Amino acid sequence: MTPEQAYQDLLQRSKEIALIGSTSAVLGWDQEVNMPPSWASSSS
């Protein structure tokens, strides 16, 4: 693997990790804001 290929692989993995983190944050926010009160106690 050349340094350029390694760098491109690193960039791709970093983008995927950032996307997973962003998705997790949005889903967490959505759960807190939109989940009916009766569901909050049963899903914890």
PDB file of N, CA and C in Angstrom:
ATOM      1  N   MET A   1       0.856  -1.171   0.000  1.00  0.00           N
ATOM      2  CA  MET A   1       0.000   0.000   0.000  1.00  0.00           C
ATOM      3  C   MET A   1       0.907   1.240   0.000  1.00  0.00           C
ATOM      4  N   THR A   2       0.612   2.126  -0.896  1.00  0.00           N
ATOM      5  CA  THR A   2       1.404   3.362  -0.975  1.00  0.00           C
ATOM      6  C   THR A   2       0.932   4.337   0.093  1.00  0.00           C
ATOM      7  N   PRO A   3       1.747   5.328   0.412  1.00  0.00           N
ATOM      8  CA  PRO A   3       1.311   6.335   1.387  1.00  0.00           C
ATOM      9  C   PRO A   3       0.024   7.047   0.957  1.00  0.00           C
ATOM     10  N   GLU A   4      -0.111   7.299  -0.340  1.00  0.00           N
ATOM     11  CA  GLU A   4      -1.331   7.957  -0.842  1.00  0.00           C
ATOM     12  C   GLU A   4      -2.558   7.071  -0.610  1.00  0.00           C
ATOM     13  N   GLN A   5      -2.428   5.776  -0.866  1.00  0.00           N
ATOM     14  CA  GLN A   5      -3.540   4.853  -0.636  1.00  0.00           C
ATOM     15  C   GLN A   5      -3.877   4.774   0.849  1.00  0.00           C
ATOM     16  N   ALA A   6      -2.848   4.746   1.683  1.00  0.00           N
ATOM     17  CA  ALA A   6      -3.067   4.703   3.126  1.00  0.00           C
ATOM     18  C   ALA A   6      -3.785   5.965   3.595  1.00  0.00           C
ATOM     19  N   TYR A   7      -3.383   7.103   3.041  1.00  0.00           N
ATOM     20  CA  TYR A   7      -4.020   8.371   3.414  1.00  0.00           C
ATOM     21  C   TYR A   7      -5.483   8.388   2.973  1.00  0.00           C
ATOM     22  N   GLN A   8      -5.759   7.922   1.761  1.00  0.00           N
ATOM     23  CA  GLN A   8      -7.139   7.875   1.272  1.00  0.00           C
ATOM     24  C   GLN A   8      -7.989   6.933   2.129  1.00  0.00           C
ATOM     25  N   ASP A   9      -7.414   5.820   2.539  1.00  0.00           N
ATOM     26  CA  ASP A   9      -8.111   4.881   3.415  1.00  0.00           C
ATOM     27  C   ASP A   9      -8.414   5.537   4.765  1.00  0.00           C
ATOM     28  N   LEU A  10      -7.434   6.256   5.287  1.00  0.00           N
ATOM     29  CA  LEU A  10      -7.632   6.966   6.551  1.00  0.00           C
ATOM     30  C   LEU A  10      -8.744   8.003   6.426  1.00  0.00           C
ATOM     31  N   LEU A  11      -8.744   8.762   5.340  1.00  0.00           N
ATOM     32  CA  LEU A  11      -9.807   9.749   5.129  1.00  0.00           C
ATOM     33  C   LEU A  11     -11.178   9.091   5.055  1.00  0.00           C
ATOM     34  N   GLN A  12     -11.268   7.986   4.330  1.00  0.00           N
ATOM     35  CA  GLN A  12     -12.554   7.289   4.198  1.00  0.00           C
ATOM     36  C   GLN A  12     -13.047   6.782   5.556  1.00  0.00           C
ATOM     37  N   ARG A  13     -12.157   6.199   6.319  1.00  0.00           N
ATOM     38  CA  ARG A  13     -12.549   5.701   7.640  1.00  0.00           C
ATOM     39  C   ARG A  13     -12.947   6.848   8.565  1.00  0.00           C
ATOM     40  N   SER A  14     -12.237   7.961   8.483  1.00  0.00           N
ATOM     41  CA  SER A  14     -12.565   9.126   9.315  1.00  0.00           C
ATOM     42  C   SER A  14     -13.942   9.671   8.967  1.00  0.00           C
ATOM     43  N   LYS A  15     -14.255   9.703   7.683  1.00  0.00           N
ATOM     44  CA  LYS A  15     -15.577  10.175   7.249  1.00  0.00           C
ATOM     45  C   LYS A  15     -16.673   9.245   7.762  1.00  0.00           C
ATOM     46  N   GLU A  16     -16.435   7.940   7.697  1.00  0.00           N
ATOM     47  CA  GLU A  16     -17.425   6.977   8.182  1.00  0.00           C
ATOM     48  C   GLU A  16     -17.636   7.117   9.685  1.00  0.00           C
ATOM     49  N   ILE A  17     -16.552   7.296  10.430  1.00  0.00           N
ATOM     50  CA  ILE A  17     -16.658   7.464  11.882  1.00  0.00           C
ATOM     51  C   ILE A  17     -17.420   8.743  12.212  1.00  0.00           C
ATOM     52  N   ALA A  18     -17.140   9.821  11.489  1.00  0.00           N
ATOM     53  CA  ALA A  18     -17.843  11.083  11.717  1.00  0.00           C
ATOM     54  C   ALA A  18     -19.332  10.942  11.397  1.00  0.00           C
ATOM     55  N   LEU A  19     -19.649  10.224  10.329  1.00  0.00           N
ATOM     56  CA  LEU A  19     -21.050  10.016   9.954  1.00  0.00           C
ATOM     57  C   LEU A  19     -21.787   9.207  11.012  1.00  0.00           C
ATOM     58  N   ILE A  20     -21.153   8.168  11.534  1.00  0.00           N
ATOM     59  CA  ILE A  20     -21.771   7.363  12.590  1.00  0.00           C
ATOM     60  C   ILE A  20     -22.003   8.215  13.833  1.00  0.00           C
ATOM     61  N   GLY A  21     -21.037   9.058  14.193  1.00  0.00           N
ATOM     62  CA  GLY A  21     -21.191   9.931  15.352  1.00  0.00           C
ATOM     63  C   GLY A  21     -22.322  10.926  15.167  1.00  0.00           C
ATOM     64  N   SER A  22     -22.407  11.520  13.986  1.00  0.00           N
ATOM     65  CA  SER A  22     -23.477  12.475  13.702  1.00  0.00           C
ATOM     66  C   SER A  22     -24.840  11.798  13.729  1.00  0.00           C
ATOM     67  N   THR A  23     -24.913  10.617  13.137  1.00  0.00           N
ATOM     68  CA  THR A  23     -26.170   9.872  13.122  1.00  0.00           C
ATOM     69  C   THR A  23     -26.609   9.518  14.534  1.00  0.00           C
ATOM     70  N   SER A  24     -25.672   9.110  15.348  1.00  0.00           N
ATOM     71  CA  SER A  24     -25.974   8.773  16.742  1.00  0.00           C
ATOM     72  C   SER A  24     -26.493   9.999  17.495  1.00  0.00           C
ATOM     73  N   ALA A  25     -25.883  11.141  17.264  1.00  0.00           N
ATOM     74  CA  ALA A  25     -26.316  12.360  17.936  1.00  0.00           C
ATOM     75  C   ALA A  25     -27.737  12.742  17.524  1.00  0.00           C
ATOM     76  N   VAL A  26     -28.032  12.647  16.245  1.00  0.00           N
ATOM     77  CA  VAL A  26     -29.377  12.988  15.761  1.00  0.00           C
ATOM     78  C   VAL A  26     -30.403  12.011  16.319  1.00  0.00           C
ATOM     79  N   LEU A  27     -30.088  10.731  16.315  1.00  0.00           N
ATOM     80  CA  LEU A  27     -31.033   9.743  16.838  1.00  0.00           C
ATOM     81  C   LEU A  27     -31.252   9.928  18.342  1.00  0.00           C
ATOM     82  N   GLY A  28     -30.198  10.262  19.064  1.00  0.00           N
ATOM     83  CA  GLY A  28     -30.348  10.526  20.496  1.00  0.00           C
ATOM     84  C   GLY A  28     -31.225  11.729  20.751  1.00  0.00           C
ATOM     85  N   TRP A  29     -30.998  12.786  19.984  1.00  0.00           N
ATOM     86  CA  TRP A  29     -31.826  13.996  20.120  1.00  0.00           C
ATOM     87  C   TRP A  29     -33.277  13.667  19.779  1.00  0.00           C
ATOM     88  N   ASP A  30     -33.495  12.951  18.681  1.00  0.00           N
ATOM     89  CA  ASP A  30     -34.841  12.605  18.258  1.00  0.00           C
ATOM     90  C   ASP A  30     -35.556  11.776  19.320  1.00  0.00           C
ATOM     91  N   GLN A  31     -34.835  10.865  19.942  1.00  0.00           N
ATOM     92  CA  GLN A  31     -35.430  10.039  20.993  1.00  0.00           C
ATOM     93  C   GLN A  31     -35.855  10.898  22.177  1.00  0.00           C
ATOM     94  N   GLU A  32     -35.018  11.846  22.547  1.00  0.00           N
ATOM     95  CA  GLU A  32     -35.335  12.709  23.689  1.00  0.00           C
ATOM     96  C   GLU A  32     -36.498  13.651  23.391  1.00  0.00           C
ATOM     97  N   VAL A  33     -36.580  14.146  22.175  1.00  0.00           N
ATOM     98  CA  VAL A  33     -37.575  15.161  21.826  1.00  0.00           C
ATOM     99  C   VAL A  33     -38.909  14.556  21.411  1.00  0.00           C
ATOM    100  N   ASN A  34     -38.884  13.478  20.671  1.00  0.00           N
ATOM    101  CA  ASN A  34     -40.108  12.966  20.051  1.00  0.00           C
ATOM    102  C   ASN A  34     -40.692  11.707  20.682  1.00  0.00           C
ATOM    103  N   MET A  35     -39.990  11.071  21.582  1.00  0.00           N
ATOM    104  CA  MET A  35     -40.496   9.832  22.156  1.00  0.00           C
ATOM    105  C   MET A  35     -41.633  10.142  23.137  1.00  0.00           C
ATOM    106  N   PRO A  36     -42.743   9.464  23.011  1.00  0.00           N
ATOM    107  CA  PRO A  36     -43.842   9.674  23.962  1.00  0.00           C
ATOM    108  C   PRO A  36     -43.371   9.368  25.388  1.00  0.00           C
ATOM    109  N   PRO A  37     -43.877  10.113  26.380  1.00  0.00           N
ATOM    110  CA  PRO A  37     -43.440   9.919  27.766  1.00  0.00           C
ATOM    111  C   PRO A  37     -43.589   8.474  28.261  1.00  0.00           C
ATOM    112  N   SER A  38     -44.618   7.776  27.831  1.00  0.00           N
ATOM    113  CA  SER A  38     -44.816   6.402  28.307  1.00  0.00           C
ATOM    114  C   SER A  38     -43.729   5.465  27.795  1.00  0.00           C
ATOM    115  N   TRP A  39     -43.074   5.787  26.678  1.00  0.00           N
ATOM    116  CA  TRP A  39     -42.013   4.938  26.136  1.00  0.00           C
ATOM    117  C   TRP A  39     -40.687   5.178  26.837  1.00  0.00           C
ATOM    118  N   ALA A  40     -40.481   6.366  27.335  1.00  0.00           N
ATOM    119  CA  ALA A  40     -39.183   6.728  27.915  1.00  0.00           C
ATOM    120  C   ALA A  40     -38.814   5.819  29.077  1.00  0.00           C
ATOM    121  N   SER A  41     -39.763   5.489  29.925  1.00  0.00           N
ATOM    122  CA  SER A  41     -39.454   4.672  31.089  1.00  0.00           C
ATOM    123  C   SER A  41     -39.227   3.210  30.710  1.00  0.00           C
ATOM    124  N   SER A  42     -39.893   2.717  29.685  1.00  0.00           N
ATOM    125  CA  SER A  42     -39.759   1.308  29.329  1.00  0.00           C
ATOM    126  C   SER A  42     -38.528   1.030  28.468  1.00  0.00           C
ATOM    127  N   SER A  43     -37.945   2.056  27.834  1.00  0.00           N
ATOM    128  CA  SER A  43     -36.796   1.808  26.951  1.00  0.00           C
ATOM    129  C   SER A  43     -35.467   2.020  27.653  1.00  0.00           C
ATOM    130  N   SER A  44     -35.460   2.495  28.866  1.00  0.00           N
ATOM    131  CA  SER A  44     -34.204   2.760  29.576  1.00  0.00           C
ATOM    132  C   SER A  44     -33.603   1.504  30.115  1.00  0.00           C
TER     133      SER A  44
END
